Amino acid sequence: MQKIDQILILFIIYAKCKKILTENPPTKKLNQKIRVVLVDDDSDITTVLKELLELNNISVVGIGSNGMDAIELYQYHRPDVIITDLIMPQFDGFFAVREIKNFEANSKIIVYSGSESVNVSLLKRQGVSAIIQKPYQIDRLLNAINETLGINVVRLHR
């Protein structure tokens, strides 16, 4: 293969990669930690989730216990993704989803619930990125984070 052919092939590969990156820019650089806010009225769950996420190089920047906390923490920290329970006393996760989406339409929200009667289609229409049923498994949560952010930098440490 002649030198000019090699240069032409490299240029074509470069142009294709540039087009792909322009159309789908990465949301995080590989050396940046993903920043999340956790919200659940059960502090044992948030404690365990925080530890598991941090073991996977994900930074938990805030922890709340109800929907109002979720809104305030989202507005203050502007995390890459917020992970919230749906059923909580006072202000629930449905309230949080609605208000966070009103505040920032492009927000990334993952919800989880132990209830079998969760209205998945309603949550999807409201813009929820992923829905996980309890009992959750950490690999499902990490996969949901990866898919929600459109990246693949989360390591699956258990």
Protein backbone atom coordinates (compact mmCIF):
# COMPACT_ATOMS: atom_id res chain seq x y z
CA MET A 1 0.00 0.00 0.00
CA GLN A 2 1.39 3.37 -0.97
CA LYS A 3 1.91 6.17 1.51
CA ILE A 4 -0.80 8.30 -0.12
CA ASP A 5 -3.32 5.43 0.28
CA GLN A 6 -2.46 5.09 3.98
CA ILE A 7 -2.89 8.83 4.52
CA LEU A 8 -6.21 8.76 2.67
CA ILE A 9 -7.47 5.85 4.82
CA LEU A 10 -6.39 7.64 8.02
CA PHE A 11 -8.14 10.80 6.87
CA ILE A 12 -11.37 8.87 6.18
CA ILE A 13 -11.22 7.22 9.62
CA TYR A 14 -10.56 10.62 11.23
CA ALA A 15 -13.51 12.18 9.37
CA LYS A 16 -15.86 9.36 10.43
CA CYS A 17 -14.74 9.60 14.07
CA LYS A 18 -15.13 13.37 14.04
CA LYS A 19 -18.64 13.02 12.62
CA ILE A 20 -19.59 10.44 15.27
CA LEU A 21 -18.23 12.63 18.08
CA THR A 22 -19.92 15.72 16.69
CA GLU A 23 -23.28 13.97 16.49
CA ASN A 24 -22.87 12.15 19.85
CA PRO A 25 -20.46 14.09 22.04
CA PRO A 26 -19.29 12.23 25.15
CA THR A 27 -20.98 13.51 28.28
CA LYS A 28 -18.03 12.79 30.55
CA LYS A 29 -14.31 12.59 30.10
CA LEU A 30 -12.85 9.29 31.24
CA ASN A 31 -11.03 10.91 34.17
CA GLN A 32 -14.12 12.73 35.50
CA LYS A 33 -16.27 11.15 38.17
CA ILE A 34 -19.97 10.83 37.62
CA ARG A 35 -21.82 13.00 40.14
CA VAL A 36 -25.09 11.72 41.62
CA VAL A 37 -27.66 12.71 44.20
CA LEU A 38 -29.40 9.90 46.14
CA VAL A 39 -32.88 10.29 47.62
CA ASP A 40 -34.64 7.73 49.82
CA ASP A 41 -36.45 7.98 53.14
CA ASP A 42 -34.58 4.87 54.33
CA SER A 43 -31.13 6.01 55.45
CA ASP A 44 -29.83 2.43 55.45
CA ILE A 45 -30.49 2.23 51.71
CA THR A 46 -28.76 5.54 50.95
CA THR A 47 -25.78 4.53 53.10
CA VAL A 48 -25.34 1.22 51.28
CA LEU A 49 -25.94 2.77 47.83
CA LYS A 50 -23.44 5.54 48.55
CA GLU A 51 -20.75 3.00 49.46
CA LEU A 52 -21.44 0.83 46.42
CA LEU A 53 -21.47 3.79 44.02
CA GLU A 54 -18.26 5.24 45.46
CA LEU A 55 -16.58 1.84 45.07
CA ASN A 56 -17.42 2.23 41.38
CA ASN A 57 -15.81 5.68 41.10
CA ILE A 58 -19.11 7.55 41.28
CA SER A 59 -19.24 10.62 43.48
CA VAL A 60 -22.34 10.99 45.66
CA VAL A 61 -22.64 14.78 46.04
CA GLY A 62 -25.86 14.83 48.05
CA ILE A 63 -28.27 12.63 49.99
CA GLY A 64 -31.90 13.46 50.70
CA SER A 65 -34.88 11.78 52.34
CA ASN A 66 -37.90 13.16 50.43
CA GLY A 67 -38.99 14.78 47.19
CA MET A 68 -38.35 18.33 48.41
CA ASP A 69 -34.77 17.37 49.32
CA ALA A 70 -34.40 15.93 45.81
CA ILE A 71 -35.41 19.22 44.21
CA GLU A 72 -33.19 21.34 46.44
CA LEU A 73 -30.18 19.03 46.07
CA TYR A 74 -30.63 18.89 42.30
CA GLN A 75 -30.78 22.67 42.01
CA TYR A 76 -27.75 23.14 44.27
CA HIS A 77 -25.44 20.40 42.94
CA ARG A 78 -26.63 19.99 39.33
CA PRO A 79 -25.59 16.32 39.34
CA ASP A 80 -25.14 14.20 36.23
CA VAL A 81 -27.97 12.00 37.46
CA ILE A 82 -30.37 11.86 40.40
CA ILE A 83 -31.44 8.50 41.80
CA THR A 84 -34.63 8.54 43.83
CA ASP A 85 -37.16 6.29 45.46
CA LEU A 86 -40.75 6.94 44.42
CA ILE A 87 -42.65 6.21 47.60
CA MET A 88 -41.58 8.53 50.43
CA PRO A 89 -43.48 10.44 53.13
CA GLN A 90 -44.21 14.14 52.72
CA PHE A 91 -43.08 14.91 49.16
CA ASP A 92 -42.69 11.74 47.10
CA GLY A 93 -40.56 10.86 44.08
CA PHE A 94 -43.37 11.66 41.63
CA PHE A 95 -43.41 15.24 42.93
CA ALA A 96 -39.61 15.42 42.68
CA VAL A 97 -39.57 14.14 39.08
CA ARG A 98 -42.21 16.65 37.98
CA GLU A 99 -40.51 19.62 39.66
CA ILE A 100 -36.97 18.72 38.58
CA LYS A 101 -38.14 18.32 34.97
CA ASN A 102 -39.89 21.70 35.20
CA PHE A 103 -36.64 23.20 36.46
CA GLU A 104 -34.40 21.45 33.91
CA ALA A 105 -36.01 19.46 31.12
CA ASN A 106 -32.76 17.65 30.25
CA SER A 107 -32.19 16.35 33.79
CA LYS A 108 -31.33 12.67 34.10
CA ILE A 109 -33.48 10.87 36.66
CA ILE A 110 -33.41 7.20 37.68
CA VAL A 111 -36.23 6.04 39.93
CA TYR A 112 -36.66 2.85 41.89
CA SER A 113 -39.61 1.42 43.75
CA GLY A 114 -40.74 -1.68 45.56
CA SER A 115 -44.30 -1.19 44.37
CA GLU A 116 -45.59 -3.52 41.66
CA SER A 117 -48.17 -0.92 40.57
CA VAL A 118 -45.72 1.71 39.32
CA ASN A 119 -47.09 3.45 36.23
CA VAL A 120 -44.07 2.99 33.95
CA SER A 121 -45.64 4.74 30.95
CA LEU A 122 -46.49 7.82 33.05
CA LEU A 123 -42.96 8.00 34.43
CA LYS A 124 -41.48 7.66 30.93
CA ARG A 125 -43.79 10.44 29.66
CA GLN A 126 -42.56 12.62 32.52
CA GLY A 127 -39.00 12.08 31.29
CA VAL A 128 -37.63 9.51 33.73
CA SER A 129 -34.49 7.97 32.24
CA ALA A 130 -34.72 4.55 33.92
CA ILE A 131 -36.96 2.65 36.32
CA ILE A 132 -35.56 -0.06 38.61
CA GLN A 133 -37.65 -2.39 40.74
CA LYS A 134 -36.65 -3.20 44.32
CA PRO A 135 -34.94 -5.20 45.45
CA TYR A 136 -32.38 -3.54 43.23
CA GLN A 137 -29.13 -5.08 42.12
CA ILE A 138 -26.08 -2.85 41.89
CA ASP A 139 -25.19 -4.05 38.39
CA ARG A 140 -28.66 -3.04 37.15
CA LEU A 141 -28.24 0.38 38.73
CA LEU A 142 -24.78 0.84 37.23
CA ASN A 143 -26.06 -0.25 33.81
CA ALA A 144 -28.94 2.23 34.14
CA ILE A 145 -26.44 5.01 34.95
CA ASN A 146 -24.31 4.07 31.94
CA GLU A 147 -27.30 4.00 29.60
CA THR A 148 -28.79 7.20 31.02
CA LEU A 149 -25.57 9.14 30.55
CA GLY A 150 -24.67 7.45 27.26
CA ILE A 151 -21.24 6.43 28.51
CA ASN A 152 -19.48 3.29 29.53
CA VAL A 153 -17.00 4.26 32.22
CA VAL A 154 -18.69 2.79 35.27
CA ARG A 155 -16.84 -0.29 36.49
CA LEU A 156 -18.94 -3.12 37.87
CA HIS A 157 -17.40 -3.66 41.32
CA ARG A 158 -19.67 -5.44 43.75
